[in-house]
Amino acid sequence: MRLYTRIVFCLNCLYQALAGVLFLFAPLLSIGLYGFPAADGQSMAAHVGVRIGGVLLLVAAVISALIALNPDRYPVLLPIMALVSALTLICWGLTLFAHETTASQVGVDAIVQVLLLIGALGYAAKAGKASATGAALHA
């Protein structure tokens, strides 16, 4: 499970970093890639929202990188990322239910979030034990 967690979070780091940079520096392109109406591309509020989303994606990329490097070092990051993934899935579910997005717009990200949840929740208890064992050895 440790290897799975490291691989999934490494891939997520790359995905989140690429999306975060794109959202932050090219909001119009990001709006177009997600298939939103052309009018959204002209909205200053949409641009600000996309840029803020980009910043948050970059933070998630950094956390994912730390987990990918060593999931045992900061065990608290696993449940935090599980929470982020769960909230993201709830968000996509709400936007789909409200007909604000389509499955084709959020499907890839939803799959990524499920894979992250599996890794984060599947390894969180073991990471906590490994961290406690390491701390006891250093005390």
Protein backbone atom coordinates (compact mmCIF):
# COMPACT_ATOMS: atom_id res chain seq x y z
CA MET A 1 0.00 0.00 0.00
CA ARG A 2 2.95 2.33 0.65
CA LEU A 3 4.16 2.03 -2.94
CA TYR A 4 0.63 2.63 -4.29
CA THR A 5 0.31 5.72 -2.07
CA ARG A 6 3.67 7.09 -3.20
CA ILE A 7 2.88 6.55 -6.89
CA VAL A 8 -0.64 8.00 -6.73
CA PHE A 9 0.51 11.07 -4.81
CA CYS A 10 3.47 11.58 -7.14
CA LEU A 11 1.15 11.54 -10.16
CA ASN A 12 -1.27 13.79 -8.31
CA CYS A 13 1.55 16.23 -7.54
CA LEU A 14 2.34 16.51 -11.24
CA TYR A 15 -1.34 16.82 -12.18
CA GLN A 16 -2.10 19.44 -9.51
CA ALA A 17 1.07 21.45 -10.25
CA LEU A 18 0.34 21.54 -13.99
CA ALA A 19 -3.32 22.46 -13.45
CA GLY A 20 -2.41 24.99 -10.74
CA VAL A 21 0.09 26.82 -12.95
CA LEU A 22 -2.38 26.77 -15.84
CA PHE A 23 -5.22 28.08 -13.67
CA LEU A 24 -3.04 30.74 -12.07
CA PHE A 25 -1.39 32.12 -15.20
CA ALA A 26 -3.91 31.29 -17.95
CA PRO A 27 -7.45 31.51 -16.55
CA LEU A 28 -9.04 32.09 -19.96
CA LEU A 29 -7.40 28.97 -21.36
CA SER A 30 -8.43 27.02 -18.25
CA ILE A 31 -12.04 28.12 -18.59
CA GLY A 32 -12.01 27.00 -22.23
CA LEU A 33 -10.38 23.64 -21.49
CA TYR A 34 -13.07 22.78 -18.97
CA GLY A 35 -15.73 23.50 -21.56
CA PHE A 36 -17.42 26.43 -19.88
CA PRO A 37 -19.38 28.94 -21.97
CA ALA A 38 -17.49 31.72 -23.75
CA ALA A 39 -19.26 34.30 -21.57
CA ASP A 40 -17.42 32.87 -18.54
CA GLY A 41 -14.16 33.75 -20.24
CA GLN A 42 -15.18 37.41 -20.19
CA SER A 43 -16.12 37.43 -16.51
CA MET A 44 -13.58 39.01 -14.17
CA ALA A 45 -15.09 37.06 -11.27
CA ALA A 46 -14.53 33.79 -13.14
CA HIS A 47 -10.90 34.73 -13.79
CA VAL A 48 -10.35 35.55 -10.10
CA GLY A 49 -12.01 32.30 -9.03
CA VAL A 50 -9.92 30.25 -11.43
CA ARG A 51 -6.71 31.95 -10.27
CA ILE A 52 -7.60 31.30 -6.59
CA GLY A 53 -8.30 27.69 -7.51
CA GLY A 54 -4.86 27.56 -9.13
CA VAL A 55 -3.20 28.69 -5.92
CA LEU A 56 -5.06 26.02 -3.94
CA LEU A 57 -4.06 23.37 -6.50
CA LEU A 58 -0.42 24.37 -6.07
CA VAL A 59 -0.74 23.92 -2.30
CA ALA A 60 -2.24 20.47 -2.89
CA ALA A 61 0.68 19.70 -5.23
CA VAL A 62 3.21 20.55 -2.49
CA ILE A 63 1.37 18.39 0.06
CA SER A 64 1.16 15.56 -2.48
CA ALA A 65 4.91 15.87 -3.14
CA LEU A 66 5.66 15.55 0.59
CA ILE A 67 3.46 12.45 0.82
CA ALA A 68 4.98 10.95 -2.33
CA LEU A 69 8.52 11.44 -1.02
CA ASN A 70 7.82 9.75 2.32
CA PRO A 71 4.26 9.08 3.51
CA ASP A 72 5.60 8.06 6.94
CA ARG A 73 7.33 11.37 7.67
CA TYR A 74 4.21 13.56 7.99
CA PRO A 75 1.35 11.15 8.71
CA VAL A 76 -1.08 14.02 9.40
CA LEU A 77 -0.95 14.97 5.71
CA LEU A 78 -2.70 11.76 4.62
CA PRO A 79 -6.02 12.43 6.41
CA ILE A 80 -5.82 16.09 5.37
CA MET A 81 -5.54 15.07 1.72
CA ALA A 82 -8.30 12.50 2.24
CA LEU A 83 -10.51 15.33 3.52
CA VAL A 84 -9.60 17.50 0.52
CA SER A 85 -10.42 14.63 -1.84
CA ALA A 86 -13.73 13.88 -0.13
CA LEU A 87 -14.74 17.56 -0.21
CA THR A 88 -13.74 17.78 -3.87
CA LEU A 89 -15.94 14.78 -4.67
CA ILE A 90 -18.82 16.39 -2.77
CA CYS A 91 -18.26 19.61 -4.72
CA TRP A 92 -18.32 17.79 -8.06
CA GLY A 93 -21.42 15.89 -6.98
CA LEU A 94 -23.20 19.12 -6.08
CA THR A 95 -22.24 20.80 -9.36
CA LEU A 96 -23.39 17.77 -11.34
CA PHE A 97 -26.67 17.60 -9.42
CA ALA A 98 -27.25 21.33 -10.03
CA HIS A 99 -26.44 20.86 -13.75
CA GLU A 100 -23.59 23.38 -13.49
CA THR A 101 -21.07 20.89 -14.91
CA THR A 102 -21.13 17.62 -16.82
CA ALA A 103 -19.41 14.34 -16.07
CA SER A 104 -17.05 14.94 -18.99
CA GLN A 105 -15.87 18.17 -17.33
CA VAL A 106 -15.10 16.68 -13.92
CA GLY A 107 -14.79 12.94 -14.57
CA VAL A 108 -10.99 12.73 -14.73
CA ASP A 109 -10.59 14.74 -11.55
CA ALA A 110 -13.23 12.65 -9.78
CA ILE A 111 -11.31 9.47 -10.66
CA VAL A 112 -8.08 11.05 -9.39
CA GLN A 113 -9.80 11.98 -6.12
CA VAL A 114 -11.06 8.42 -5.61
CA LEU A 115 -7.54 7.03 -6.20
CA LEU A 116 -6.16 9.54 -3.70
CA LEU A 117 -8.78 8.59 -1.12
CA ILE A 118 -7.83 4.93 -1.47
CA GLY A 119 -4.15 5.75 -0.97
CA ALA A 120 -4.65 8.23 1.84
CA LEU A 121 -7.12 6.19 3.87
CA GLY A 122 -5.48 2.87 3.05
CA TYR A 123 -2.08 3.94 4.33
CA ALA A 124 -2.93 6.55 7.00
CA ALA A 125 -3.03 4.14 9.96
CA LYS A 126 0.21 2.44 8.93
CA ALA A 127 1.94 5.82 8.41
CA GLY A 128 0.92 6.91 11.90
CA LYS A 129 2.36 3.71 13.39
CA ALA A 130 5.58 4.05 11.39
CA SER A 131 5.93 7.66 12.52
CA ALA A 132 5.34 6.76 16.18
CA THR A 133 7.87 3.92 15.97
CA GLY A 134 10.44 6.25 14.42
CA ALA A 135 9.83 8.90 17.07
CA ALA A 136 10.25 6.31 19.83
CA LEU A 137 13.57 5.20 18.36
CA HIS A 138 14.86 8.78 18.28
CA ALA A 139 13.75 9.60 21.84
